[in-house]
Amino acid sequence: MTLTTEQQSLVEQRLSNERKSTAVAYLVWFFLGPLGVHRFYLGRTGSGVAMLLLTVFGVMTVYFVIGAFLLIGVGIWLLVDAFLIPGMVAADSSAKRTAISAQVAQADTAS
């Protein structure tokens, strides 16, 4: 699928409107990270739910030994996510670019 220059321009314009911000992702990570909100923002709903549940169960069972281990695991996950956020934003942008390109090409063939 080869797009014309005009179509590529349209793709990039739509992508710039729909692109996720790395700065916003880091702000959400910093303030609401243990709840997995940054993962929800970046479209990773499954791991966001997992992080949210680990945090909730960890806080609920913090007086038992298991809760501390759950919270330590969430803390390590947050630290790893600090380095993964730029890649997640890039992957989201790449997926959106592919989807928008397909939509533009399909609209052009339908015309």
C-alpha atoms as a PDB file:
ATOM      1  CA  MET A   1       0.000   0.000   0.000  1.00  0.00           C
ATOM      2  CA  THR A   2       1.660   3.158  -1.215  1.00  0.00           C
ATOM      3  CA  LEU A   3       0.157   6.461  -0.148  1.00  0.00           C
ATOM      4  CA  THR A   4       0.457   9.702  -2.036  1.00  0.00           C
ATOM      5  CA  THR A   5       2.121  12.694  -0.425  1.00  0.00           C
ATOM      6  CA  GLU A   6      -1.295  14.221   0.253  1.00  0.00           C
ATOM      7  CA  GLN A   7      -2.493  11.023   1.934  1.00  0.00           C
ATOM      8  CA  GLN A   8       0.688  10.798   4.009  1.00  0.00           C
ATOM      9  CA  SER A   9       0.139  14.378   5.121  1.00  0.00           C
ATOM     10  CA  LEU A  10      -3.410  13.530   6.131  1.00  0.00           C
ATOM     11  CA  VAL A  11      -2.171  10.491   8.080  1.00  0.00           C
ATOM     12  CA  GLU A  12       0.417  12.562   9.962  1.00  0.00           C
ATOM     13  CA  GLN A  13      -2.132  15.283  10.717  1.00  0.00           C
ATOM     14  CA  ARG A  14      -4.613  12.804  12.162  1.00  0.00           C
ATOM     15  CA  LEU A  15      -1.824  11.071  14.051  1.00  0.00           C
ATOM     16  CA  SER A  16      -0.693  14.325  15.644  1.00  0.00           C
ATOM     17  CA  ASN A  17      -4.259  14.824  16.909  1.00  0.00           C
ATOM     18  CA  GLU A  18      -4.525  11.307  18.340  1.00  0.00           C
ATOM     19  CA  ARG A  19      -0.954  10.774  19.583  1.00  0.00           C
ATOM     20  CA  LYS A  20      -0.380  10.108  23.279  1.00  0.00           C
ATOM     21  CA  SER A  21       1.965  12.474  25.080  1.00  0.00           C
ATOM     22  CA  THR A  22       5.060  11.125  26.809  1.00  0.00           C
ATOM     23  CA  ALA A  23       4.939  14.027  29.281  1.00  0.00           C
ATOM     24  CA  VAL A  24       1.338  13.279  30.231  1.00  0.00           C
ATOM     25  CA  ALA A  25       2.172   9.592  30.579  1.00  0.00           C
ATOM     26  CA  TYR A  26       5.014  10.438  32.987  1.00  0.00           C
ATOM     27  CA  LEU A  27       2.812  12.828  34.991  1.00  0.00           C
ATOM     28  CA  VAL A  28       0.132  10.183  35.353  1.00  0.00           C
ATOM     29  CA  TRP A  29       2.818   7.613  36.202  1.00  0.00           C
ATOM     30  CA  PHE A  30       4.246   9.883  38.897  1.00  0.00           C
ATOM     31  CA  PHE A  31       0.969  10.788  40.593  1.00  0.00           C
ATOM     32  CA  LEU A  32      -1.225   7.728  39.964  1.00  0.00           C
ATOM     33  CA  GLY A  33       1.334   5.079  39.025  1.00  0.00           C
ATOM     34  CA  PRO A  34       0.530   2.473  41.677  1.00  0.00           C
ATOM     35  CA  LEU A  35      -3.055   2.410  40.416  1.00  0.00           C
ATOM     36  CA  GLY A  36      -1.879   1.658  36.867  1.00  0.00           C
ATOM     37  CA  VAL A  37      -3.554   4.747  35.392  1.00  0.00           C
ATOM     38  CA  HIS A  38      -0.590   5.392  33.087  1.00  0.00           C
ATOM     39  CA  ARG A  39      -1.143   1.980  31.532  1.00  0.00           C
ATOM     40  CA  PHE A  40      -4.837   2.733  31.001  1.00  0.00           C
ATOM     41  CA  TYR A  41      -3.814   6.015  29.333  1.00  0.00           C
ATOM     42  CA  LEU A  42      -1.463   4.179  26.985  1.00  0.00           C
ATOM     43  CA  GLY A  43      -4.112   1.619  26.018  1.00  0.00           C
ATOM     44  CA  ARG A  44      -2.732  -1.279  28.036  1.00  0.00           C
ATOM     45  CA  THR A  45      -5.932  -2.038  29.906  1.00  0.00           C
ATOM     46  CA  GLY A  46      -5.125  -5.599  30.960  1.00  0.00           C
ATOM     47  CA  SER A  47      -1.879  -4.748  32.713  1.00  0.00           C
ATOM     48  CA  GLY A  48      -3.496  -1.597  34.131  1.00  0.00           C
ATOM     49  CA  VAL A  49      -6.190  -3.713  35.778  1.00  0.00           C
ATOM     50  CA  ALA A  50      -3.529  -6.118  37.068  1.00  0.00           C
ATOM     51  CA  MET A  51      -1.528  -3.270  38.599  1.00  0.00           C
ATOM     52  CA  LEU A  52      -4.662  -1.755  40.137  1.00  0.00           C
ATOM     53  CA  LEU A  53      -5.701  -5.068  41.671  1.00  0.00           C
ATOM     54  CA  LEU A  54      -2.205  -5.767  43.026  1.00  0.00           C
ATOM     55  CA  THR A  55      -2.146  -2.354  44.685  1.00  0.00           C
ATOM     56  CA  VAL A  56      -5.632  -2.708  46.171  1.00  0.00           C
ATOM     57  CA  PHE A  57      -4.974  -6.213  47.496  1.00  0.00           C
ATOM     58  CA  GLY A  58      -1.551  -5.137  48.738  1.00  0.00           C
ATOM     59  CA  VAL A  59      -2.997  -2.240  50.704  1.00  0.00           C
ATOM     60  CA  MET A  60      -5.822  -4.410  52.051  1.00  0.00           C
ATOM     61  CA  THR A  61      -3.387  -7.072  53.270  1.00  0.00           C
ATOM     62  CA  VAL A  62      -0.473  -4.843  54.257  1.00  0.00           C
ATOM     63  CA  TYR A  63      -0.837  -5.936  57.875  1.00  0.00           C
ATOM     64  CA  PHE A  64      -0.148  -9.469  56.740  1.00  0.00           C
ATOM     65  CA  VAL A  65       3.149 -10.409  55.168  1.00  0.00           C
ATOM     66  CA  ILE A  66       1.655 -10.982  51.719  1.00  0.00           C
ATOM     67  CA  GLY A  67       0.560  -7.352  51.330  1.00  0.00           C
ATOM     68  CA  ALA A  68       4.086  -6.035  51.705  1.00  0.00           C
ATOM     69  CA  PHE A  69       5.320  -8.370  48.975  1.00  0.00           C
ATOM     70  CA  LEU A  70       2.531  -7.282  46.641  1.00  0.00           C
ATOM     71  CA  LEU A  71       3.374  -3.613  47.186  1.00  0.00           C
ATOM     72  CA  ILE A  72       7.088  -4.282  46.670  1.00  0.00           C
ATOM     73  CA  GLY A  73       6.188  -5.990  43.383  1.00  0.00           C
ATOM     74  CA  VAL A  74       4.116  -2.991  42.307  1.00  0.00           C
ATOM     75  CA  GLY A  75       7.029  -0.700  43.216  1.00  0.00           C
ATOM     76  CA  ILE A  76       9.428  -2.694  41.060  1.00  0.00           C
ATOM     77  CA  TRP A  77       6.871  -2.695  38.233  1.00  0.00           C
ATOM     78  CA  LEU A  78       6.612   1.111  38.517  1.00  0.00           C
ATOM     79  CA  LEU A  79      10.367   1.472  38.324  1.00  0.00           C
ATOM     80  CA  VAL A  80      10.502  -0.683  35.208  1.00  0.00           C
ATOM     81  CA  ASP A  81       7.615   1.275  33.670  1.00  0.00           C
ATOM     82  CA  ALA A  82       9.608   4.493  34.079  1.00  0.00           C
ATOM     83  CA  PHE A  83      11.945   3.149  31.411  1.00  0.00           C
ATOM     84  CA  LEU A  84       9.235   1.509  29.271  1.00  0.00           C
ATOM     85  CA  ILE A  85       6.923   4.520  28.848  1.00  0.00           C
ATOM     86  CA  PRO A  86       8.724   6.029  25.816  1.00  0.00           C
ATOM     87  CA  GLY A  87       8.571   2.678  24.037  1.00  0.00           C
ATOM     88  CA  MET A  88       4.894   2.228  24.894  1.00  0.00           C
ATOM     89  CA  VAL A  89       4.117   5.697  23.501  1.00  0.00           C
ATOM     90  CA  ALA A  90       6.074   4.905  20.324  1.00  0.00           C
ATOM     91  CA  ALA A  91       4.295   1.552  19.913  1.00  0.00           C
ATOM     92  CA  ASP A  92       0.912   3.239  20.363  1.00  0.00           C
ATOM     93  CA  SER A  93       1.823   5.866  17.749  1.00  0.00           C
ATOM     94  CA  SER A  94       3.032   3.201  15.329  1.00  0.00           C
ATOM     95  CA  ALA A  95      -0.166   1.190  15.714  1.00  0.00           C
ATOM     96  CA  LYS A  96      -2.276   4.294  15.196  1.00  0.00           C
ATOM     97  CA  ARG A  97      -0.235   5.294  12.116  1.00  0.00           C
ATOM     98  CA  THR A  98      -0.858   1.860  10.586  1.00  0.00           C
ATOM     99  CA  ALA A  99      -4.586   1.985  11.338  1.00  0.00           C
ATOM    100  CA  ILE A 100      -4.986   5.533  10.018  1.00  0.00           C
ATOM    101  CA  SER A 101      -3.006   4.678   6.871  1.00  0.00           C
ATOM    102  CA  ALA A 102      -5.306   1.737   6.217  1.00  0.00           C
ATOM    103  CA  GLN A 103      -8.381   3.940   6.721  1.00  0.00           C
ATOM    104  CA  VAL A 104      -7.044   6.599   4.345  1.00  0.00           C
ATOM    105  CA  ALA A 105      -6.140   4.017   1.706  1.00  0.00           C
ATOM    106  CA  GLN A 106      -9.546   2.358   2.046  1.00  0.00           C
ATOM    107  CA  ALA A 107     -11.359   5.704   1.761  1.00  0.00           C
ATOM    108  CA  ASP A 108      -9.344   6.493  -1.368  1.00  0.00           C
ATOM    109  CA  THR A 109     -10.241   3.191  -3.049  1.00  0.00           C
ATOM    110  CA  ALA A 110     -13.928   3.623  -2.137  1.00  0.00           C
ATOM    111  CA  SER A 111     -14.029   7.035  -3.850  1.00  0.00           C
END
